[in-house]
């Protein structure tokens, strides 16, 4: 996620965005891009939160050795949140997302 595209998460919570300008330029990231930054914590917005029968991008990721090698995965610091709310533009969704990130980091 870009610090510019989601300031309530990076600037608002004092979190550090990816330092690689190419990775920081988008809210979408590939598994390879995620591996390059190898985060200590990972918050994933799931767009199938209310309907688990829909596939999630991470369904395939979680089977890979690249995923399993991530620091956040190895240290059980991967947090799922409702992406439909958290990544929306309304105040209710943004409040939900901020609360979810803060609670995950406790």
PDB file of N, CA and C in Angstrom:
ATOM      1  N   UNK A   1       0.831  -1.180   0.000  1.00  0.00           N
ATOM      2  CA  UNK A   1       0.000   0.000   0.000  1.00  0.00           C
ATOM      3  C   UNK A   1       0.873   1.240   0.000  1.00  0.00           C
ATOM      4  N   UNK A   2       0.464   2.177  -0.701  1.00  0.00           N
ATOM      5  CA  UNK A   2       1.213   3.413  -0.797  1.00  0.00           C
ATOM      6  C   UNK A   2       0.888   4.353   0.361  1.00  0.00           C
ATOM      7  N   UNK A   3       1.901   5.001   0.874  1.00  0.00           N
ATOM      8  CA  UNK A   3       1.690   5.992   1.937  1.00  0.00           C
ATOM      9  C   UNK A   3       0.830   7.134   1.424  1.00  0.00           C
ATOM     10  N   UNK A   4       0.938   7.446   0.131  1.00  0.00           N
ATOM     11  CA  UNK A   4       0.151   8.528  -0.442  1.00  0.00           C
ATOM     12  C   UNK A   4      -1.293   8.114  -0.686  1.00  0.00           C
ATOM     13  N   UNK A   5      -1.522   6.825  -1.028  1.00  0.00           N
ATOM     14  CA  UNK A   5      -2.879   6.398  -1.341  1.00  0.00           C
ATOM     15  C   UNK A   5      -3.693   6.077  -0.101  1.00  0.00           C
ATOM     16  N   UNK A   6      -3.064   5.739   1.001  1.00  0.00           N
ATOM     17  CA  UNK A   6      -3.770   5.401   2.238  1.00  0.00           C
ATOM     18  C   UNK A   6      -3.107   6.080   3.438  1.00  0.00           C
ATOM     19  N   UNK A   7      -3.150   7.415   3.474  1.00  0.00           N
ATOM     20  CA  UNK A   7      -2.424   8.134   4.533  1.00  0.00           C
ATOM     21  C   UNK A   7      -2.917   7.820   5.935  1.00  0.00           C
ATOM     22  N   UNK A   8      -4.187   7.420   6.092  1.00  0.00           N
ATOM     23  CA  UNK A   8      -4.692   7.128   7.432  1.00  0.00           C
ATOM     24  C   UNK A   8      -3.966   5.949   8.054  1.00  0.00           C
ATOM     25  N   UNK A   9      -3.396   5.079   7.242  1.00  0.00           N
ATOM     26  CA  UNK A   9      -2.676   3.928   7.776  1.00  0.00           C
ATOM     27  C   UNK A   9      -1.207   4.226   8.005  1.00  0.00           C
ATOM     28  N   UNK A  10      -0.552   4.821   7.036  1.00  0.00           N
ATOM     29  CA  UNK A  10       0.876   5.082   7.203  1.00  0.00           C
ATOM     30  C   UNK A  10       1.131   6.328   8.043  1.00  0.00           C
ATOM     31  N   UNK A  11       0.705   7.465   7.553  1.00  0.00           N
ATOM     32  CA  UNK A  11       0.967   8.713   8.281  1.00  0.00           C
ATOM     33  C   UNK A  11       0.146   8.780   9.567  1.00  0.00           C
ATOM     34  N   UNK A  12      -1.130   8.416   9.475  1.00  0.00           N
ATOM     35  CA  UNK A  12      -2.022   8.521  10.626  1.00  0.00           C
ATOM     36  C   UNK A  12      -1.631   7.637  11.790  1.00  0.00           C
ATOM     37  N   UNK A  13      -1.092   6.442  11.505  1.00  0.00           N
ATOM     38  CA  UNK A  13      -0.705   5.506  12.567  1.00  0.00           C
ATOM     39  C   UNK A  13       0.799   5.473  12.802  1.00  0.00           C
ATOM     40  N   UNK A  14       1.540   6.270  12.034  1.00  0.00           N
ATOM     41  CA  UNK A  14       2.985   6.316  12.216  1.00  0.00           C
ATOM     42  C   UNK A  14       3.686   5.052  11.745  1.00  0.00           C
ATOM     43  N   UNK A  15       3.089   4.357  10.764  1.00  0.00           N
ATOM     44  CA  UNK A  15       3.707   3.143  10.227  1.00  0.00           C
ATOM     45  C   UNK A  15       4.670   3.497   9.106  1.00  0.00           C
ATOM     46  N   UNK A  16       5.641   2.648   8.873  1.00  0.00           N
ATOM     47  CA  UNK A  16       6.650   2.887   7.856  1.00  0.00           C
ATOM     48  C   UNK A  16       6.269   2.214   6.547  1.00  0.00           C
ATOM     49  N   UNK A  17       6.072   2.982   5.484  1.00  0.00           N
ATOM     50  CA  UNK A  17       5.762   2.381   4.181  1.00  0.00           C
ATOM     51  C   UNK A  17       7.007   1.746   3.576  1.00  0.00           C
ATOM     52  N   UNK A  18       6.842   0.907   2.560  1.00  0.00           N
ATOM     53  CA  UNK A  18       8.004   0.311   1.899  1.00  0.00           C
ATOM     54  C   UNK A  18       8.949   1.396   1.397  1.00  0.00           C
ATOM     55  N   UNK A  19      10.243   1.179   1.542  1.00  0.00           N
ATOM     56  CA  UNK A  19      11.213   2.189   1.118  1.00  0.00           C
ATOM     57  C   UNK A  19      11.464   2.148  -0.381  1.00  0.00           C
ATOM     58  N   UNK A  20      11.210   1.031  -1.030  1.00  0.00           N
ATOM     59  CA  UNK A  20      11.387   0.906  -2.467  1.00  0.00           C
ATOM     60  C   UNK A  20      10.287   1.703  -3.167  1.00  0.00           C
ATOM     61  N   UNK A  21      10.664   2.706  -3.949  1.00  0.00           N
ATOM     62  CA  UNK A  21       9.690   3.587  -4.595  1.00  0.00           C
ATOM     63  C   UNK A  21       8.759   2.816  -5.523  1.00  0.00           C
ATOM     64  N   UNK A  22       9.250   1.802  -6.205  1.00  0.00           N
ATOM     65  CA  UNK A  22       8.413   1.005  -7.094  1.00  0.00           C
ATOM     66  C   UNK A  22       7.348   0.242  -6.337  1.00  0.00           C
ATOM     67  N   UNK A  23       7.698  -0.288  -5.177  1.00  0.00           N
ATOM     68  CA  UNK A  23       6.736  -1.024  -4.370  1.00  0.00           C
ATOM     69  C   UNK A  23       5.782  -0.089  -3.650  1.00  0.00           C
ATOM     70  N   UNK A  24       6.239   1.087  -3.309  1.00  0.00           N
ATOM     71  CA  UNK A  24       5.420   2.019  -2.556  1.00  0.00           C
ATOM     72  C   UNK A  24       4.419   2.756  -3.435  1.00  0.00           C
ATOM     73  N   UNK A  25       4.501   2.592  -4.740  1.00  0.00           N
ATOM     74  CA  UNK A  25       3.670   3.372  -5.656  1.00  0.00           C
ATOM     75  C   UNK A  25       2.256   2.832  -5.835  1.00  0.00           C
ATOM     76  N   UNK A  26       1.937   1.684  -5.289  1.00  0.00           N
ATOM     77  CA  UNK A  26       0.632   1.074  -5.526  1.00  0.00           C
ATOM     78  C   UNK A  26       0.072   0.426  -4.277  1.00  0.00           C
ATOM     79  N   UNK A  27      -1.245   0.284  -4.238  1.00  0.00           N
ATOM     80  CA  UNK A  27      -1.894  -0.420  -3.128  1.00  0.00           C
ATOM     81  C   UNK A  27      -1.899  -1.918  -3.388  1.00  0.00           C
ATOM     82  N   UNK A  28      -1.635  -2.344  -4.606  1.00  0.00           N
ATOM     83  CA  UNK A  28      -1.584  -3.762  -4.963  1.00  0.00           C
ATOM     84  C   UNK A  28      -0.125  -4.213  -4.985  1.00  0.00           C
ATOM     85  N   UNK A  29       0.108  -5.450  -4.588  1.00  0.00           N
ATOM     86  CA  UNK A  29       1.473  -5.957  -4.562  1.00  0.00           C
ATOM     87  C   UNK A  29       1.470  -7.431  -4.934  1.00  0.00           C
ATOM     88  N   UNK A  30       2.535  -7.861  -5.561  1.00  0.00           N
ATOM     89  CA  UNK A  30       2.687  -9.274  -5.895  1.00  0.00           C
ATOM     90  C   UNK A  30       3.378  -9.984  -4.735  1.00  0.00           C
ATOM     91  N   UNK A  31       3.350 -11.295  -4.759  1.00  0.00           N
ATOM     92  CA  UNK A  31       4.052 -12.059  -3.735  1.00  0.00           C
ATOM     93  C   UNK A  31       5.552 -11.793  -3.811  1.00  0.00           C
ATOM     94  N   UNK A  32       6.057 -11.645  -5.016  1.00  0.00           N
ATOM     95  CA  UNK A  32       7.484 -11.349  -5.184  1.00  0.00           C
ATOM     96  C   UNK A  32       7.822  -9.974  -4.612  1.00  0.00           C
ATOM     97  N   UNK A  33       6.944  -9.006  -4.826  1.00  0.00           N
ATOM     98  CA  UNK A  33       7.154  -7.680  -4.264  1.00  0.00           C
ATOM     99  C   UNK A  33       7.091  -7.702  -2.750  1.00  0.00           C
ATOM    100  N   UNK A  34       6.169  -8.485  -2.223  1.00  0.00           N
ATOM    101  CA  UNK A  34       6.050  -8.632  -0.780  1.00  0.00           C
ATOM    102  C   UNK A  34       7.296  -9.288  -0.206  1.00  0.00           C
ATOM    103  N   UNK A  35       7.814 -10.263  -0.907  1.00  0.00           N
ATOM    104  CA  UNK A  35       9.032 -10.943  -0.479  1.00  0.00           C
ATOM    105  C   UNK A  35      10.219  -9.977  -0.453  1.00  0.00           C
ATOM    106  N   UNK A  36      10.244  -9.044  -1.395  1.00  0.00           N
ATOM    107  CA  UNK A  36      11.351  -8.082  -1.462  1.00  0.00           C
ATOM    108  C   UNK A  36      11.376  -7.161  -0.242  1.00  0.00           C
ATOM    109  N   UNK A  37      10.196  -6.813   0.295  1.00  0.00           N
ATOM    110  CA  UNK A  37      10.188  -5.949   1.474  1.00  0.00           C
ATOM    111  C   UNK A  37      10.165  -6.758   2.765  1.00  0.00           C
ATOM    112  N   UNK A  38       9.753  -8.013   2.715  1.00  0.00           N
ATOM    113  CA  UNK A  38       9.775  -8.951   3.839  1.00  0.00           C
ATOM    114  C   UNK A  38       9.366  -8.271   5.158  1.00  0.00           C
ATOM    115  N   UNK A  39       8.091  -7.883   5.266  1.00  0.00           N
ATOM    116  CA  UNK A  39       7.650  -7.098   6.436  1.00  0.00           C
ATOM    117  C   UNK A  39       7.648  -7.876   7.744  1.00  0.00           C
ATOM    118  N   UNK A  40       7.785  -7.142   8.845  1.00  0.00           N
ATOM    119  CA  UNK A  40       7.679  -7.734  10.177  1.00  0.00           C
ATOM    120  C   UNK A  40       6.218  -8.018  10.530  1.00  0.00           C
ATOM    121  N   UNK A  41       5.321  -7.171  10.045  1.00  0.00           N
ATOM    122  CA  UNK A  41       3.877  -7.316  10.250  1.00  0.00           C
ATOM    123  C   UNK A  41       3.212  -7.160   8.892  1.00  0.00           C
ATOM    124  N   UNK A  42       2.100  -7.854   8.704  1.00  0.00           N
ATOM    125  CA  UNK A  42       1.392  -7.789   7.434  1.00  0.00           C
ATOM    126  C   UNK A  42      -0.102  -7.755   7.693  1.00  0.00           C
ATOM    127  N   UNK A  43      -0.751  -6.693   7.250  1.00  0.00           N
ATOM    128  CA  UNK A  43      -2.200  -6.563   7.370  1.00  0.00           C
ATOM    129  C   UNK A  43      -2.776  -6.712   5.971  1.00  0.00           C
ATOM    130  N   UNK A  44      -3.647  -7.707   5.805  1.00  0.00           N
ATOM    131  CA  UNK A  44      -4.234  -7.998   4.507  1.00  0.00           C
ATOM    132  C   UNK A  44      -5.711  -7.658   4.514  1.00  0.00           C
ATOM    133  N   UNK A  45      -6.133  -6.874   3.538  1.00  0.00           N
ATOM    134  CA  UNK A  45      -7.549  -6.558   3.376  1.00  0.00           C
ATOM    135  C   UNK A  45      -8.186  -7.585   2.466  1.00  0.00           C
ATOM    136  N   UNK A  46      -9.090  -8.377   3.004  1.00  0.00           N
ATOM    137  CA  UNK A  46      -9.761  -9.430   2.227  1.00  0.00           C
ATOM    138  C   UNK A  46     -11.089  -8.921   1.681  1.00  0.00           C
ATOM    139  N   UNK A  47     -11.268  -9.075   0.375  1.00  0.00           N
ATOM    140  CA  UNK A  47     -12.504  -8.653  -0.269  1.00  0.00           C
ATOM    141  C   UNK A  47     -13.517  -9.794  -0.343  1.00  0.00           C
ATOM    142  N   UNK A  48     -13.175 -10.916   0.233  1.00  0.00           N
ATOM    143  CA  UNK A  48     -14.110 -12.036   0.356  1.00  0.00           C
ATOM    144  C   UNK A  48     -14.463 -12.255   1.836  1.00  0.00           C
ATOM    145  N   UNK A  49     -14.319 -11.232   2.632  1.00  0.00           N
ATOM    146  CA  UNK A  49     -14.512 -11.305   4.085  1.00  0.00           C
ATOM    147  C   UNK A  49     -15.884 -11.855   4.457  1.00  0.00           C
ATOM    148  N   UNK A  50     -16.912 -11.398   3.766  1.00  0.00           N
ATOM    149  CA  UNK A  50     -18.267 -11.832   4.097  1.00  0.00           C
ATOM    150  C   UNK A  50     -18.703 -13.054   3.304  1.00  0.00           C
ATOM    151  N   UNK A  51     -17.995 -13.399   2.256  1.00  0.00           N
ATOM    152  CA  UNK A  51     -18.329 -14.570   1.451  1.00  0.00           C
ATOM    153  C   UNK A  51     -17.055 -15.357   1.164  1.00  0.00           C
ATOM    154  N   UNK A  52     -16.729 -16.270   2.080  1.00  0.00           N
ATOM    155  CA  UNK A  52     -15.478 -17.038   1.979  1.00  0.00           C
ATOM    156  C   UNK A  52     -15.468 -18.000   0.786  1.00  0.00           C
ATOM    157  N   UNK A  53     -16.614 -18.174   0.115  1.00  0.00           N
ATOM    158  CA  UNK A  53     -16.629 -19.050  -1.061  1.00  0.00           C
ATOM    159  C   UNK A  53     -15.914 -18.386  -2.246  1.00  0.00           C
ATOM    160  N   UNK A  54     -15.743 -17.079  -2.191  1.00  0.00           N
ATOM    161  CA  UNK A  54     -15.002 -16.364  -3.223  1.00  0.00           C
ATOM    162  C   UNK A  54     -13.508 -16.564  -2.992  1.00  0.00           C
ATOM    163  N   UNK A  55     -12.729 -16.705  -4.059  1.00  0.00           N
ATOM    164  CA  UNK A  55     -11.285 -16.889  -3.861  1.00  0.00           C
ATOM    165  C   UNK A  55     -10.610 -15.606  -3.392  1.00  0.00           C
ATOM    166  N   UNK A  56      -9.538 -15.778  -2.659  1.00  0.00           N
ATOM    167  CA  UNK A  56      -8.699 -14.658  -2.229  1.00  0.00           C
ATOM    168  C   UNK A  56      -7.331 -14.843  -2.878  1.00  0.00           C
ATOM    169  N   UNK A  57      -6.668 -13.769  -3.178  1.00  0.00           N
ATOM    170  CA  UNK A  57      -5.339 -13.814  -3.775  1.00  0.00           C
ATOM    171  C   UNK A  57      -4.382 -14.641  -2.927  1.00  0.00           C
ATOM    172  N   UNK A  58      -4.506 -14.520  -1.639  1.00  0.00           N
ATOM    173  CA  UNK A  58      -3.582 -15.216  -0.743  1.00  0.00           C
ATOM    174  C   UNK A  58      -3.823 -16.718  -0.662  1.00  0.00           C
ATOM    175  N   UNK A  59      -4.932 -17.218  -1.209  1.00  0.00           N
ATOM    176  CA  UNK A  59      -5.176 -18.666  -1.208  1.00  0.00           C
ATOM    177  C   UNK A  59      -3.997 -19.409  -1.845  1.00  0.00           C
ATOM    178  N   UNK A  60      -3.539 -18.917  -2.975  1.00  0.00           N
ATOM    179  CA  UNK A  60      -2.389 -19.536  -3.645  1.00  0.00           C
ATOM    180  C   UNK A  60      -1.083 -19.171  -2.964  1.00  0.00           C
ATOM    181  N   UNK A  61      -0.974 -17.943  -2.491  1.00  0.00           N
ATOM    182  CA  UNK A  61       0.244 -17.497  -1.820  1.00  0.00           C
ATOM    183  C   UNK A  61       0.580 -18.396  -0.641  1.00  0.00           C
ATOM    184  N   UNK A  62      -0.423 -18.737   0.157  1.00  0.00           N
ATOM    185  CA  UNK A  62      -0.193 -19.476   1.394  1.00  0.00           C
ATOM    186  C   UNK A  62       0.366 -20.874   1.168  1.00  0.00           C
ATOM    187  N   UNK A  63       0.290 -21.369  -0.048  1.00  0.00           N
ATOM    188  CA  UNK A  63       0.834 -22.691  -0.380  1.00  0.00           C
ATOM    189  C   UNK A  63       2.305 -22.622  -0.773  1.00  0.00           C
ATOM    190  N   UNK A  64       2.819 -21.427  -1.004  1.00  0.00           N
ATOM    191  CA  UNK A  64       4.165 -21.286  -1.551  1.00  0.00           C
ATOM    192  C   UNK A  64       5.232 -21.166  -0.460  1.00  0.00           C
ATOM    193  N   UNK A  65       6.422 -21.582  -0.814  1.00  0.00           N
ATOM    194  CA  UNK A  65       7.568 -21.467   0.093  1.00  0.00           C
ATOM    195  C   UNK A  65       7.958 -19.998   0.287  1.00  0.00           C
ATOM    196  N   UNK A  66       7.716 -19.171  -0.725  1.00  0.00           N
ATOM    197  CA  UNK A  66       8.019 -17.742  -0.606  1.00  0.00           C
ATOM    198  C   UNK A  66       7.170 -17.145   0.519  1.00  0.00           C
ATOM    199  N   UNK A  67       5.879 -17.445   0.531  1.00  0.00           N
ATOM    200  CA  UNK A  67       4.986 -16.966   1.588  1.00  0.00           C
ATOM    201  C   UNK A  67       5.460 -17.455   2.952  1.00  0.00           C
ATOM    202  N   UNK A  68       5.741 -18.733   3.045  1.00  0.00           N
ATOM    203  CA  UNK A  68       6.140 -19.339   4.311  1.00  0.00           C
ATOM    204  C   UNK A  68       7.458 -18.779   4.838  1.00  0.00           C
ATOM    205  N   UNK A  69       8.274 -18.195   3.953  1.00  0.00           N
ATOM    206  CA  UNK A  69       9.566 -17.650   4.370  1.00  0.00           C
ATOM    207  C   UNK A  69       9.482 -16.205   4.859  1.00  0.00           C
ATOM    208  N   UNK A  70       8.336 -15.543   4.688  1.00  0.00           N
ATOM    209  CA  UNK A  70       8.195 -14.156   5.128  1.00  0.00           C
ATOM    210  C   UNK A  70       8.293 -14.044   6.650  1.00  0.00           C
ATOM    211  N   UNK A  71       8.973 -13.005   7.127  1.00  0.00           N
ATOM    212  CA  UNK A  71       9.123 -12.800   8.576  1.00  0.00           C
ATOM    213  C   UNK A  71       7.764 -12.721   9.269  1.00  0.00           C
ATOM    214  N   UNK A  72       6.829 -11.979   8.684  1.00  0.00           N
ATOM    215  CA  UNK A  72       5.511 -11.827   9.305  1.00  0.00           C
ATOM    216  C   UNK A  72       4.793 -13.168   9.427  1.00  0.00           C
ATOM    217  N   UNK A  73       4.926 -14.016   8.426  1.00  0.00           N
ATOM    218  CA  UNK A  73       4.277 -15.330   8.451  1.00  0.00           C
ATOM    219  C   UNK A  73       4.946 -16.221   9.490  1.00  0.00           C
ATOM    220  N   UNK A  74       6.270 -16.265   9.470  1.00  0.00           N
ATOM    221  CA  UNK A  74       7.003 -17.103  10.426  1.00  0.00           C
ATOM    222  C   UNK A  74       6.732 -16.708  11.873  1.00  0.00           C
ATOM    223  N   UNK A  75       6.506 -15.427  12.120  1.00  0.00           N
ATOM    224  CA  UNK A  75       6.299 -14.934  13.479  1.00  0.00           C
ATOM    225  C   UNK A  75       4.819 -14.749  13.829  1.00  0.00           C
ATOM    226  N   UNK A  76       3.939 -15.301  12.980  1.00  0.00           N
ATOM    227  CA  UNK A  76       2.491 -15.236  13.212  1.00  0.00           C
ATOM    228  C   UNK A  76       2.002 -13.794  13.380  1.00  0.00           C
ATOM    229  N   UNK A  77       2.460 -12.926  12.487  1.00  0.00           N
ATOM    230  CA  UNK A  77       2.078 -11.514  12.520  1.00  0.00           C
ATOM    231  C   UNK A  77       1.395 -11.099  11.224  1.00  0.00           C
ATOM    232  N   UNK A  78       0.492 -11.961  10.758  1.00  0.00           N
ATOM    233  CA  UNK A  78      -0.315 -11.669   9.576  1.00  0.00           C
ATOM    234  C   UNK A  78      -1.742 -11.473  10.064  1.00  0.00           C
ATOM    235  N   UNK A  79      -2.312 -10.332   9.751  1.00  0.00           N
ATOM    236  CA  UNK A  79      -3.626  -9.963  10.263  1.00  0.00           C
ATOM    237  C   UNK A  79      -4.583  -9.731   9.103  1.00  0.00           C
ATOM    238  N   UNK A  80      -5.707 -10.403   9.115  1.00  0.00           N
ATOM    239  CA  UNK A  80      -6.718 -10.220   8.090  1.00  0.00           C
ATOM    240  C   UNK A  80      -7.789  -9.248   8.555  1.00  0.00           C
ATOM    241  N   UNK A  81      -8.195  -8.376   7.644  1.00  0.00           N
ATOM    242  CA  UNK A  81      -9.279  -7.438   7.933  1.00  0.00           C
ATOM    243  C   UNK A  81     -10.223  -7.399   6.738  1.00  0.00           C
ATOM    244  N   UNK A  82     -11.406  -6.871   6.935  1.00  0.00           N
ATOM    245  CA  UNK A  82     -12.399  -6.739   5.879  1.00  0.00           C
ATOM    246  C   UNK A  82     -11.955  -5.633   4.927  1.00  0.00           C
ATOM    247  N   UNK A  83     -11.456  -6.026   3.772  1.00  0.00           N
ATOM    248  CA  UNK A  83     -10.946  -5.065   2.804  1.00  0.00           C
ATOM    249  C   UNK A  83     -12.009  -4.169   2.213  1.00  0.00           C
ATOM    250  N   UNK A  84     -13.231  -4.677   2.103  1.00  0.00           N
ATOM    251  CA  UNK A  84     -14.320  -3.867   1.559  1.00  0.00           C
ATOM    252  C   UNK A  84     -14.563  -2.639   2.433  1.00  0.00           C
ATOM    253  N   UNK A  85     -14.434  -2.807   3.730  1.00  0.00           N
ATOM    254  CA  UNK A  85     -14.598  -1.671   4.641  1.00  0.00           C
ATOM    255  C   UNK A  85     -13.318  -0.867   4.795  1.00  0.00           C
ATOM    256  N   UNK A  86     -12.249  -1.551   5.141  1.00  0.00           N
ATOM    257  CA  UNK A  86     -11.001  -0.875   5.502  1.00  0.00           C
ATOM    258  C   UNK A  86     -10.397  -0.082   4.357  1.00  0.00           C
ATOM    259  N   UNK A  87     -10.605  -0.524   3.131  1.00  0.00           N
ATOM    260  CA  UNK A  87     -10.000   0.173   1.993  1.00  0.00           C
ATOM    261  C   UNK A  87     -11.002   1.039   1.254  1.00  0.00           C
ATOM    262  N   UNK A  88     -12.161   1.228   1.855  1.00  0.00           N
ATOM    263  CA  UNK A  88     -13.168   2.104   1.277  1.00  0.00           C
ATOM    264  C   UNK A  88     -12.849   3.559   1.569  1.00  0.00           C
ATOM    265  N   UNK A  89     -13.685   4.446   1.055  1.00  0.00           N
ATOM    266  CA  UNK A  89     -13.398   5.867   1.225  1.00  0.00           C
ATOM    267  C   UNK A  89     -14.233   6.524   2.315  1.00  0.00           C
ATOM    268  N   UNK A  90     -15.195   5.802   2.868  1.00  0.00           N
ATOM    269  CA  UNK A  90     -16.066   6.396   3.877  1.00  0.00           C
ATOM    270  C   UNK A  90     -15.464   6.387   5.268  1.00  0.00           C
ATOM    271  N   UNK A  91     -15.963   7.254   6.135  1.00  0.00           N
ATOM    272  CA  UNK A  91     -15.425   7.350   7.492  1.00  0.00           C
ATOM    273  C   UNK A  91     -15.655   6.095   8.336  1.00  0.00           C
ATOM    274  N   UNK A  92     -16.754   5.391   8.135  1.00  0.00           N
ATOM    275  CA  UNK A  92     -17.008   4.170   8.909  1.00  0.00           C
ATOM    276  C   UNK A  92     -15.974   3.112   8.558  1.00  0.00           C
ATOM    277  N   UNK A  93     -15.739   2.928   7.275  1.00  0.00           N
ATOM    278  CA  UNK A  93     -14.752   1.947   6.831  1.00  0.00           C
ATOM    279  C   UNK A  93     -13.349   2.303   7.276  1.00  0.00           C
ATOM    280  N   UNK A  94     -12.998   3.559   7.163  1.00  0.00           N
ATOM    281  CA  UNK A  94     -11.662   3.977   7.577  1.00  0.00           C
ATOM    282  C   UNK A  94     -11.477   3.795   9.072  1.00  0.00           C
ATOM    283  N   UNK A  95     -12.511   4.109   9.843  1.00  0.00           N
ATOM    284  CA  UNK A  95     -12.433   3.909  11.293  1.00  0.00           C
ATOM    285  C   UNK A  95     -12.268   2.431  11.613  1.00  0.00           C
ATOM    286  N   UNK A  96     -13.049   1.589  10.927  1.00  0.00           N
ATOM    287  CA  UNK A  96     -12.919   0.139  11.114  1.00  0.00           C
ATOM    288  C   UNK A  96     -11.489  -0.306  10.808  1.00  0.00           C
ATOM    289  N   UNK A  97     -10.944   0.116   9.689  1.00  0.00           N
ATOM    290  CA  UNK A  97      -9.604  -0.286   9.282  1.00  0.00           C
ATOM    291  C   UNK A  97      -8.542   0.152  10.269  1.00  0.00           C
ATOM    292  N   UNK A  98      -8.629   1.374  10.705  1.00  0.00           N
ATOM    293  CA  UNK A  98      -7.659   1.890  11.684  1.00  0.00           C
ATOM    294  C   UNK A  98      -7.756   1.108  12.982  1.00  0.00           C
ATOM    295  N   UNK A  99      -8.974   0.891  13.457  1.00  0.00           N
ATOM    296  CA  UNK A  99      -9.168   0.106  14.683  1.00  0.00           C
ATOM    297  C   UNK A  99      -8.629  -1.312  14.521  1.00  0.00           C
ATOM    298  N   UNK A 100      -8.863  -1.930  13.369  1.00  0.00           N
ATOM    299  CA  UNK A 100      -8.397  -3.296  13.132  1.00  0.00           C
ATOM    300  C   UNK A 100      -6.875  -3.363  13.153  1.00  0.00           C
ATOM    301  N   UNK A 101      -6.210  -2.389  12.546  1.00  0.00           N
ATOM    302  CA  UNK A 101      -4.738  -2.365  12.541  1.00  0.00           C
ATOM    303  C   UNK A 101      -4.216  -2.141  13.959  1.00  0.00           C
ATOM    304  N   UNK A 102      -4.783  -1.190  14.663  1.00  0.00           N
ATOM    305  CA  UNK A 102      -4.337  -0.900  16.032  1.00  0.00           C
ATOM    306  C   UNK A 102      -4.523  -2.135  16.923  1.00  0.00           C
ATOM    307  N   UNK A 103      -5.671  -2.782  16.834  1.00  0.00           N
ATOM    308  CA  UNK A 103      -5.930  -3.970  17.650  1.00  0.00           C
ATOM    309  C   UNK A 103      -4.993  -5.123  17.278  1.00  0.00           C
ATOM    310  N   UNK A 104      -4.683  -5.262  16.028  1.00  0.00           N
ATOM    311  CA  UNK A 104      -3.771  -6.332  15.598  1.00  0.00           C
ATOM    312  C   UNK A 104      -2.370  -6.121  16.150  1.00  0.00           C
ATOM    313  N   UNK A 105      -1.963  -4.893  16.303  1.00  0.00           N
ATOM    314  CA  UNK A 105      -0.600  -4.597  16.759  1.00  0.00           C
ATOM    315  C   UNK A 105      -0.443  -4.663  18.269  1.00  0.00           C
ATOM    316  N   UNK A 106      -1.521  -4.865  18.986  1.00  0.00           N
ATOM    317  CA  UNK A 106      -1.446  -4.934  20.457  1.00  0.00           C
ATOM    318  C   UNK A 106      -0.790  -6.204  20.905  1.00  0.00           C
TER     319      UNK A 106
END
